[in-house]
C-alpha atoms as a PDB file:
ATOM      1  CA  MET A   1     135.685  76.622  91.038  1.00  0.00           C
ATOM      2  CA  ALA A   2     138.679  78.985  91.245  1.00  0.00           C
ATOM      3  CA  LEU A   3     141.047  76.007  90.952  1.00  0.00           C
ATOM      4  CA  VAL A   4     139.256  74.775  87.827  1.00  0.00           C
ATOM      5  CA  HIS A   5     139.502  78.237  86.269  1.00  0.00           C
ATOM      6  CA  GLN A   6     143.223  78.355  87.095  1.00  0.00           C
ATOM      7  CA  ASP A   7     143.775  74.933  85.471  1.00  0.00           C
ATOM      8  CA  GLU A   8     141.919  76.060  82.338  1.00  0.00           C
ATOM      9  CA  GLN A   9     144.028  79.229  82.196  1.00  0.00           C
ATOM     10  CA  THR A  10     147.221  77.154  82.488  1.00  0.00           C
ATOM     11  CA  VAL A  11     146.130  74.861  79.655  1.00  0.00           C
ATOM     12  CA  THR A  12     145.203  77.873  77.537  1.00  0.00           C
ATOM     13  CA  GLU A  13     148.612  79.433  78.106  1.00  0.00           C
ATOM     14  CA  PHE A  14     150.332  76.168  77.199  1.00  0.00           C
ATOM     15  CA  LEU A  15     148.280  75.850  73.993  1.00  0.00           C
ATOM     16  CA  ASN A  16     149.175  79.428  73.071  1.00  0.00           C
ATOM     17  CA  ILE A  17     152.849  78.715  73.629  1.00  0.00           C
ATOM     18  CA  LEU A  18     152.667  75.555  71.564  1.00  0.00           C
ATOM     19  CA  GLU A  19     150.789  77.398  68.800  1.00  0.00           C
ATOM     20  CA  GLN A  20     153.442  80.126  68.792  1.00  0.00           C
ATOM     21  CA  HIS A  21     156.131  77.433  68.562  1.00  0.00           C
ATOM     22  CA  ARG A  22     154.349  75.889  65.561  1.00  0.00           C
ATOM     23  CA  ILE A  23     154.190  79.249  63.820  1.00  0.00           C
ATOM     24  CA  GLU A  24     157.871  79.920  64.424  1.00  0.00           C
ATOM     25  CA  CYS A  25     158.807  76.466  63.100  1.00  0.00           C
ATOM     26  CA  GLU A  26     156.687  77.071  60.010  1.00  0.00           C
ATOM     27  CA  GLN A  27     158.246  80.479  59.430  1.00  0.00           C
ATOM     28  CA  ASN A  28     161.755  79.072  59.862  1.00  0.00           C
ATOM     29  CA  GLY A  29     161.154  76.154  57.531  1.00  0.00           C
ATOM     30  CA  LEU A  30     161.235  73.592  60.303  1.00  0.00           C
ATOM     31  CA  TYR A  31     158.284  71.708  58.870  1.00  0.00           C
ATOM     32  CA  VAL A  32     158.923  68.431  60.670  1.00  0.00           C
ATOM     33  CA  GLU A  33     158.938  70.244  64.008  1.00  0.00           C
ATOM     34  CA  ALA A  34     155.910  72.236  62.862  1.00  0.00           C
ATOM     35  CA  GLU A  35     154.087  68.984  62.007  1.00  0.00           C
ATOM     36  CA  VAL A  36     154.921  67.549  65.423  1.00  0.00           C
ATOM     37  CA  ALA A  37     153.706  70.735  67.120  1.00  0.00           C
ATOM     38  CA  LEU A  38     150.517  70.693  65.030  1.00  0.00           C
ATOM     39  CA  LYS A  39     149.695  67.081  65.930  1.00  0.00           C
ATOM     40  CA  ARG A  40     150.422  67.806  69.554  1.00  0.00           C
ATOM     41  CA  LEU A  41     148.176  70.872  69.394  1.00  0.00           C
ATOM     42  CA  GLN A  42     145.371  68.826  67.816  1.00  0.00           C
ATOM     43  CA  GLU A  43     145.696  66.117  70.448  1.00  0.00           C
ATOM     44  CA  LEU A  44     145.716  68.629  73.297  1.00  0.00           C
ATOM     45  CA  ARG A  45     142.825  70.616  71.838  1.00  0.00           C
ATOM     46  CA  LYS A  46     140.793  67.441  71.377  1.00  0.00           C
ATOM     47  CA  HIS A  47     141.558  66.295  74.896  1.00  0.00           C
ATOM     48  CA  GLU A  48     140.871  69.736  76.348  1.00  0.00           C
ATOM     49  CA  GLU A  49     137.635  70.052  74.361  1.00  0.00           C
ATOM     50  CA  SER A  50     136.473  66.672  75.637  1.00  0.00           C
ATOM     51  CA  ARG A  51     137.430  67.509  79.208  1.00  0.00           C
ATOM     52  CA  ARG A  52     135.825  70.946  79.160  1.00  0.00           C
ATOM     53  CA  ARG A  53     132.731  69.664  77.394  1.00  0.00           C
ATOM     54  CA  GLU A  54     132.203  67.004  80.053  1.00  0.00           C
ATOM     55  CA  ALA A  55     132.888  69.517  82.820  1.00  0.00           C
ATOM     56  CA  ILE A  56     130.457  72.020  81.319  1.00  0.00           C
ATOM     57  CA  LYS A  57     127.866  69.297  80.750  1.00  0.00           C
ATOM     58  CA  SER A  58     128.102  68.158  84.383  1.00  0.00           C
ATOM     59  CA  ARG A  59     127.940  71.733  85.641  1.00  0.00           C
ATOM     60  CA  HIS A  60     124.993  72.567  83.387  1.00  0.00           C
ATOM     61  CA  ILE A  61     123.096  69.530  84.613  1.00  0.00           C
ATOM     62  CA  ALA A  62     123.838  70.503  88.218  1.00  0.00           C
ATOM     63  CA  GLU A  63     122.677  74.080  87.586  1.00  0.00           C
ATOM     64  CA  LYS A  64     119.416  72.910  86.007  1.00  0.00           C
ATOM     65  CA  LEU A  65     118.804  70.448  88.826  1.00  0.00           C
ATOM     66  CA  ASP A  66     119.450  73.206  91.349  1.00  0.00           C
ATOM     67  CA  VAL A  67     116.888  75.481  89.655  1.00  0.00           C
ATOM     68  CA  GLU A  68     114.394  72.602  89.439  1.00  0.00           C
ATOM     69  CA  GLU A  69     114.909  71.615  93.074  1.00  0.00           C
ATOM     70  CA  THR A  70     114.522  75.205  94.242  1.00  0.00           C
ATOM     71  CA  TYR A  71     111.309  75.524  92.242  1.00  0.00           C
ATOM     72  CA  LEU A  72     109.865  72.298  93.683  1.00  0.00           C
ATOM     73  CA  ILE A  73     110.716  73.403  97.226  1.00  0.00           C
ATOM     74  CA  GLU A  74     109.059  76.788  96.650  1.00  0.00           C
ATOM     75  CA  ILE A  75     105.986  75.097  95.149  1.00  0.00           C
ATOM     76  CA  GLU A  76     105.695  72.807  98.163  1.00  0.00           C
ATOM     77  CA  GLU A  77     106.064  75.737 100.554  1.00  0.00           C
ATOM     78  CA  LEU A  78     103.475  77.714  98.587  1.00  0.00           C
ATOM     79  CA  ASN A  79     100.995  74.807  98.643  1.00  0.00           C
ATOM     80  CA  ASN A  80     101.519  74.202 102.354  1.00  0.00           C
ATOM     81  CA  ARG A  81     101.051  77.901 103.101  1.00  0.00           C
ATOM     82  CA  TRP A  82      97.889  78.147 101.041  1.00  0.00           C
ATOM     83  CA  ASN A  83      96.463  74.866 102.351  1.00  0.00           C
ATOM     84  CA  GLN A  84      96.908  76.206 105.869  1.00  0.00           C
ATOM     85  CA  ARG A  85      95.339  79.527 104.926  1.00  0.00           C
ATOM     86  CA  ILE A  86      92.336  77.813 103.313  1.00  0.00           C
ATOM     87  CA  ALA A  87      91.924  75.460 106.282  1.00  0.00           C
ATOM     88  CA  GLU A  88      91.890  78.450 108.647  1.00  0.00           C
ATOM     89  CA  TYR A  89      89.354  80.195 106.416  1.00  0.00           C
ATOM     90  CA  GLU A  90      87.058  77.145 106.370  1.00  0.00           C
ATOM     91  CA  GLU A  91      87.372  76.786 110.146  1.00  0.00           C
ATOM     92  CA  GLN A  92      86.436  80.436 110.587  1.00  0.00           C
ATOM     93  CA  VAL A  93      83.524  80.047 108.158  1.00  0.00           C
ATOM     94  CA  ALA A  94      82.193  77.000 109.996  1.00  0.00           C
ATOM     95  CA  GLN A  95      82.365  78.800 113.346  1.00  0.00           C
ATOM     96  CA  SER A  96      80.764  81.977 111.973  1.00  0.00           C
ATOM     97  CA  GLU A  97      77.922  80.013 110.369  1.00  0.00           C
ATOM     98  CA  ALA A  98      77.313  78.051 113.571  1.00  0.00           C
ATOM     99  CA  ASP A  99      77.257  81.322 115.539  1.00  0.00           C
ATOM    100  CA  LEU A 100      74.812  82.876 113.074  1.00  0.00           C
ATOM    101  CA  ILE A 101      72.467  79.855 113.179  1.00  0.00           C
ATOM    102  CA  ALA A 102      72.584  79.845 116.988  1.00  0.00           C
ATOM    103  CA  LYS A 103      71.824  83.582 117.033  1.00  0.00           C
ATOM    104  CA  HIS A 104      68.863  83.051 114.706  1.00  0.00           C
ATOM    105  CA  GLU A 105      67.517  80.289 116.950  1.00  0.00           C
ATOM    106  CA  GLN A 106      67.846  82.446 120.053  1.00  0.00           C
ATOM    107  CA  ASP A 107      66.261  85.413 118.275  1.00  0.00           C
ATOM    108  CA  ARG A 108      63.259  83.240 117.317  1.00  0.00           C
ATOM    109  CA  LYS A 109      62.842  82.034 120.899  1.00  0.00           C
ATOM    110  CA  ASP A 110      63.089  85.574 122.281  1.00  0.00           C
ATOM    111  CA  TRP A 111      60.601  86.790 119.707  1.00  0.00           C
ATOM    112  CA  GLN A 112      58.155  83.958 120.494  1.00  0.00           C
ATOM    113  CA  TYR A 113      58.329  84.705 124.224  1.00  0.00           C
ATOM    114  CA  SER A 114      57.759  88.415 123.649  1.00  0.00           C
ATOM    115  CA  MET A 115      54.749  87.723 121.427  1.00  0.00           C
ATOM    116  CA  GLN A 116      53.225  85.400 124.011  1.00  0.00           C
ATOM    117  CA  ASP A 117      53.653  88.054 126.710  1.00  0.00           C
ATOM    118  CA  LYS A 118      51.995  90.660 124.509  1.00  0.00           C
ATOM    119  CA  PHE A 119      48.977  88.417 123.998  1.00  0.00           C
ATOM    120  CA  LEU A 120      48.633  87.550 127.673  1.00  0.00           C
ATOM    121  CA  LEU A 121      48.974  91.176 128.742  1.00  0.00           C
ATOM    122  CA  ARG A 122      46.577  92.657 126.211  1.00  0.00           C
ATOM    123  CA  PRO A 123      43.723  90.354 125.156  1.00  0.00           C
ATOM    124  CA  LYS A 124      41.142  92.460 123.294  1.00  0.00           C
ATOM    125  CA  TYR A 125      37.603  91.394 124.263  1.00  0.00           C
ATOM    126  CA  SER A 126      34.381  92.453 122.578  1.00  0.00           C
ATOM    127  CA  LYS A 127      32.304  95.411 123.725  1.00  0.00           C
ATOM    128  CA  GLU A 128      29.474  93.015 124.540  1.00  0.00           C
ATOM    129  CA  LEU A 129      31.671  91.033 126.938  1.00  0.00           C
ATOM    130  CA  LEU A 130      33.021  94.191 128.550  1.00  0.00           C
ATOM    131  CA  ASN A 131      29.473  95.466 129.009  1.00  0.00           C
ATOM    132  CA  LEU A 132      28.446  92.177 130.713  1.00  0.00           C
ATOM    133  CA  ARG A 133      31.341  92.579 133.144  1.00  0.00           C
ATOM    134  CA  LYS A 134      30.198  96.109 133.972  1.00  0.00           C
ATOM    135  CA  ILE A 135      26.667  94.819 134.592  1.00  0.00           C
ATOM    136  CA  GLU A 136      28.076  92.057 136.777  1.00  0.00           C
ATOM    137  CA  VAL A 137      29.986  94.565 138.883  1.00  0.00           C
ATOM    138  CA  THR A 138      26.965  96.867 139.122  1.00  0.00           C
ATOM    139  CA  LEU A 139      24.671  94.025 140.277  1.00  0.00           C
ATOM    140  CA  ALA A 140      27.220  92.879 142.801  1.00  0.00           C
ATOM    141  CA  LYS A 141      27.524  96.379 144.244  1.00  0.00           C
ATOM    142  CA  ALA A 142      23.718  96.530 144.427  1.00  0.00           C
ATOM    143  CA  ARG A 143      23.823  93.218 146.370  1.00  0.00           C
ATOM    144  CA  GLU A 144      21.770  91.495 143.724  1.00  0.00           C
ATOM    145  CA  TYR A 145      24.037  88.482 143.914  1.00  0.00           C
ATOM    146  CA  GLN A 146      21.868  85.941 142.144  1.00  0.00           C
ATOM    147  CA  ASP A 147      21.492  88.160 139.093  1.00  0.00           C
ATOM    148  CA  ALA A 148      25.204  89.011 139.298  1.00  0.00           C
ATOM    149  CA  ALA A 149      26.047  85.271 139.348  1.00  0.00           C
ATOM    150  CA  LYS A 150      23.917  84.650 136.254  1.00  0.00           C
ATOM    151  CA  VAL A 151      25.558  87.506 134.408  1.00  0.00           C
ATOM    152  CA  LYS A 152      28.988  86.339 135.529  1.00  0.00           C
ATOM    153  CA  MET A 153      28.317  82.825 134.246  1.00  0.00           C
ATOM    154  CA  GLN A 154      27.172  84.248 130.918  1.00  0.00           C
ATOM    155  CA  ALA A 155      30.233  86.512 130.750  1.00  0.00           C
ATOM    156  CA  ASP A 156      32.632  83.656 131.665  1.00  0.00           C
ATOM    157  CA  VAL A 157      31.290  81.485 128.841  1.00  0.00           C
ATOM    158  CA  MET A 158      31.529  84.373 126.406  1.00  0.00           C
ATOM    159  CA  GLN A 159      35.055  85.213 127.603  1.00  0.00           C
ATOM    160  CA  LYS A 160      36.150  81.590 127.124  1.00  0.00           C
ATOM    161  CA  TRP A 161      34.843  81.544 123.552  1.00  0.00           C
ATOM    162  CA  GLU A 162      36.354  84.916 122.746  1.00  0.00           C
ATOM    163  CA  LEU A 163      39.679  83.949 124.310  1.00  0.00           C
ATOM    164  CA  GLU A 164      39.812  80.825 122.164  1.00  0.00           C
ATOM    165  CA  ASP A 165      38.998  82.903 119.069  1.00  0.00           C
ATOM    166  CA  LEU A 166      41.620  85.459 120.070  1.00  0.00           C
ATOM    167  CA  LYS A 167      44.191  82.680 120.539  1.00  0.00           C
ATOM    168  CA  ARG A 168      43.441  81.256 117.100  1.00  0.00           C
ATOM    169  CA  ASP A 169      43.723  84.675 115.466  1.00  0.00           C
ATOM    170  CA  TRP A 170      46.876  85.439 117.413  1.00  0.00           C
ATOM    171  CA  GLN A 171      48.457  82.115 116.472  1.00  0.00           C
ATOM    172  CA  GLN A 172      47.701  82.778 112.813  1.00  0.00           C
ATOM    173  CA  LYS A 173      49.308  86.201 113.098  1.00  0.00           C
ATOM    174  CA  LEU A 174      52.260  84.666 114.930  1.00  0.00           C
ATOM    175  CA  ALA A 175      52.671  82.035 112.222  1.00  0.00           C
ATOM    176  CA  THR A 176      52.677  84.720 109.524  1.00  0.00           C
ATOM    177  CA  ARG A 177      55.097  86.937 111.389  1.00  0.00           C
ATOM    178  CA  GLU A 178      57.306  83.961 112.206  1.00  0.00           C
ATOM    179  CA  GLN A 179      57.389  83.082 108.508  1.00  0.00           C
ATOM    180  CA  HIS A 180      58.554  86.619 107.780  1.00  0.00           C
ATOM    181  CA  LEU A 181      61.204  86.330 110.488  1.00  0.00           C
ATOM    182  CA  GLN A 182      62.304  82.956 109.135  1.00  0.00           C
ATOM    183  CA  LYS A 183      62.501  84.374 105.627  1.00  0.00           C
ATOM    184  CA  LYS A 184      64.583  87.290 106.879  1.00  0.00           C
ATOM    185  CA  GLN A 185      66.949  84.925 108.683  1.00  0.00           C
ATOM    186  CA  ASP A 186      67.156  82.619 105.649  1.00  0.00           C
ATOM    187  CA  THR A 187      68.047  85.621 103.493  1.00  0.00           C
ATOM    188  CA  GLU A 188      70.708  86.648 105.975  1.00  0.00           C
ATOM    189  CA  LEU A 189      72.143  83.115 106.050  1.00  0.00           C
ATOM    190  CA  GLU A 190      72.087  82.899 102.256  1.00  0.00           C
ATOM    191  CA  ALA A 191      73.882  86.259 101.997  1.00  0.00           C
ATOM    192  CA  PHE A 192      76.498  84.948 104.424  1.00  0.00           C
ATOM    193  CA  ARG A 193      76.998  81.795 102.339  1.00  0.00           C
ATOM    194  CA  ILE A 194      77.269  83.817  99.121  1.00  0.00           C
ATOM    195  CA  LYS A 195      79.932  85.918 100.816  1.00  0.00           C
ATOM    196  CA  VAL A 196      81.719  82.730 101.844  1.00  0.00           C
ATOM    197  CA  VAL A 197      81.697  81.437  98.262  1.00  0.00           C
ATOM    198  CA  ALA A 198      83.081  84.782  97.070  1.00  0.00           C
ATOM    199  CA  GLY A 199      85.799  84.499  99.713  1.00  0.00           C
ATOM    200  CA  ARG A 200      86.693  81.002  98.512  1.00  0.00           C
ATOM    201  CA  GLN A 201      86.874  82.186  94.915  1.00  0.00           C
ATOM    202  CA  LYS A 202      89.135  85.090  95.898  1.00  0.00           C
ATOM    203  CA  LEU A 203      91.449  82.738  97.775  1.00  0.00           C
ATOM    204  CA  LYS A 204      91.546  80.489  94.719  1.00  0.00           C
ATOM    205  CA  ARG A 205      92.340  83.438  92.410  1.00  0.00           C
ATOM    206  CA  ASP A 206      95.031  84.758  94.748  1.00  0.00           C
ATOM    207  CA  ARG A 207      96.570  81.297  94.991  1.00  0.00           C
ATOM    208  CA  MET A 208      96.626  80.862  91.213  1.00  0.00           C
ATOM    209  CA  GLU A 209      98.049  84.363  90.777  1.00  0.00           C
ATOM    210  CA  GLU A 210     100.911  83.628  93.163  1.00  0.00           C
ATOM    211  CA  LEU A 211     101.472  80.250  91.538  1.00  0.00           C
ATOM    212  CA  ASN A 212     101.556  81.796  88.071  1.00  0.00           C
ATOM    213  CA  LYS A 213     104.063  84.430  89.224  1.00  0.00           C
ATOM    214  CA  MET A 214     106.259  81.698  90.636  1.00  0.00           C
ATOM    215  CA  LEU A 215     105.967  79.667  87.434  1.00  0.00           C
ATOM    216  CA  LYS A 216     106.800  82.724  85.336  1.00  0.00           C
ATOM    217  CA  ARG A 217     109.850  83.441  87.480  1.00  0.00           C
ATOM    218  CA  TYR A 218     110.913  79.797  87.172  1.00  0.00           C
ATOM    219  CA  ASN A 219     110.534  79.853  83.372  1.00  0.00           C
ATOM    220  CA  ASN A 220     112.531  83.093  83.181  1.00  0.00           C
ATOM    221  CA  LEU A 221     115.287  81.532  85.272  1.00  0.00           C
ATOM    222  CA  LYS A 222     115.355  78.528  82.960  1.00  0.00           C
ATOM    223  CA  LEU A 223     115.514  80.770  79.876  1.00  0.00           C
ATOM    224  CA  ASP A 224     118.342  82.844  81.361  1.00  0.00           C
ATOM    225  CA  LEU A 225     120.187  79.688  82.342  1.00  0.00           C
ATOM    226  CA  ASP A 226     119.720  78.198  78.865  1.00  0.00           C
ATOM    227  CA  LYS A 227     121.130  81.367  77.278  1.00  0.00           C
ATOM    228  CA  LYS A 228     124.073  81.429  79.665  1.00  0.00           C
ATOM    229  CA  GLN A 229     124.852  77.773  79.073  1.00  0.00           C
ATOM    230  CA  HIS A 230     124.513  78.197  75.302  1.00  0.00           C
ATOM    231  CA  LEU A 231     127.056  81.037  75.368  1.00  0.00           C
ATOM    232  CA  GLU A 232     129.431  78.852  77.359  1.00  0.00           C
ATOM    233  CA  ARG A 233     129.144  76.104  74.763  1.00  0.00           C
ATOM    234  CA  VAL A 234     129.745  78.630  71.967  1.00  0.00           C
ATOM    235  CA  ARG A 235     132.820  79.994  73.732  1.00  0.00           C
ATOM    236  CA  LEU A 236     134.098  76.460  74.214  1.00  0.00           C
ATOM    237  CA  ALA A 237     133.640  75.688  70.513  1.00  0.00           C
ATOM    238  CA  LYS A 238     135.566  78.836  69.559  1.00  0.00           C
ATOM    239  CA  PHE A 239     138.315  78.134  72.054  1.00  0.00           C
ATOM    240  CA  VAL A 240     139.144  74.627  70.866  1.00  0.00           C
ATOM    241  CA  ARG A 241     139.046  75.380  67.131  1.00  0.00           C
ATOM    242  CA  PRO A 242     142.391  76.047  65.424  1.00  0.00           C
ATOM    243  CA  ARG A 243     143.038  79.708  64.653  1.00  0.00           C
END
């Protein structure tokens, strides 16, 4: 680049010398020599204009390609970075959702076991049945075993019926409570999925924002380059025109 600038400076100095020679010939009435100098100046200017124009054109194309290539590389890097970030997010989401579903399943099992234990530990029998059991115990203590056996048989039948009724009622209550638990877990899962969607939308917005900033920077670089190259073409046009 420095060598090219030096060559251009040498040509410029030579053109200035030749122009000064033409002026001196004109002032001294040496019109034939002035004509020769003028034609030589025109030929050199035309040749230099063509050479510089081609050089500038090649350089301008190279500069634009360099900006374009840099932009494409940055776009590819941006897309790769964001694709990786989104993939990691989706992997984390999938794992978190699986963990939440597994937790819900375990919570339901633990709850079901605890409810069964509560029923087995505390069946609530009727006063009539409890009274029969007291009579049974009293008869047995009084050694009236036949009467105690009859009362026991009656109490066992009653206890069986009541236990079945209690089981049915308890199962209905369990079903209702389990529905409430399921609804609570469904709400929690839905809230998680809404949060995931919001996270995806934020990632998308952030990606577009970064992409737009990069595009804006690229457009500004192109505008600055266009202005710079336009000024170079203007300077070239002024340089090669006769004074």
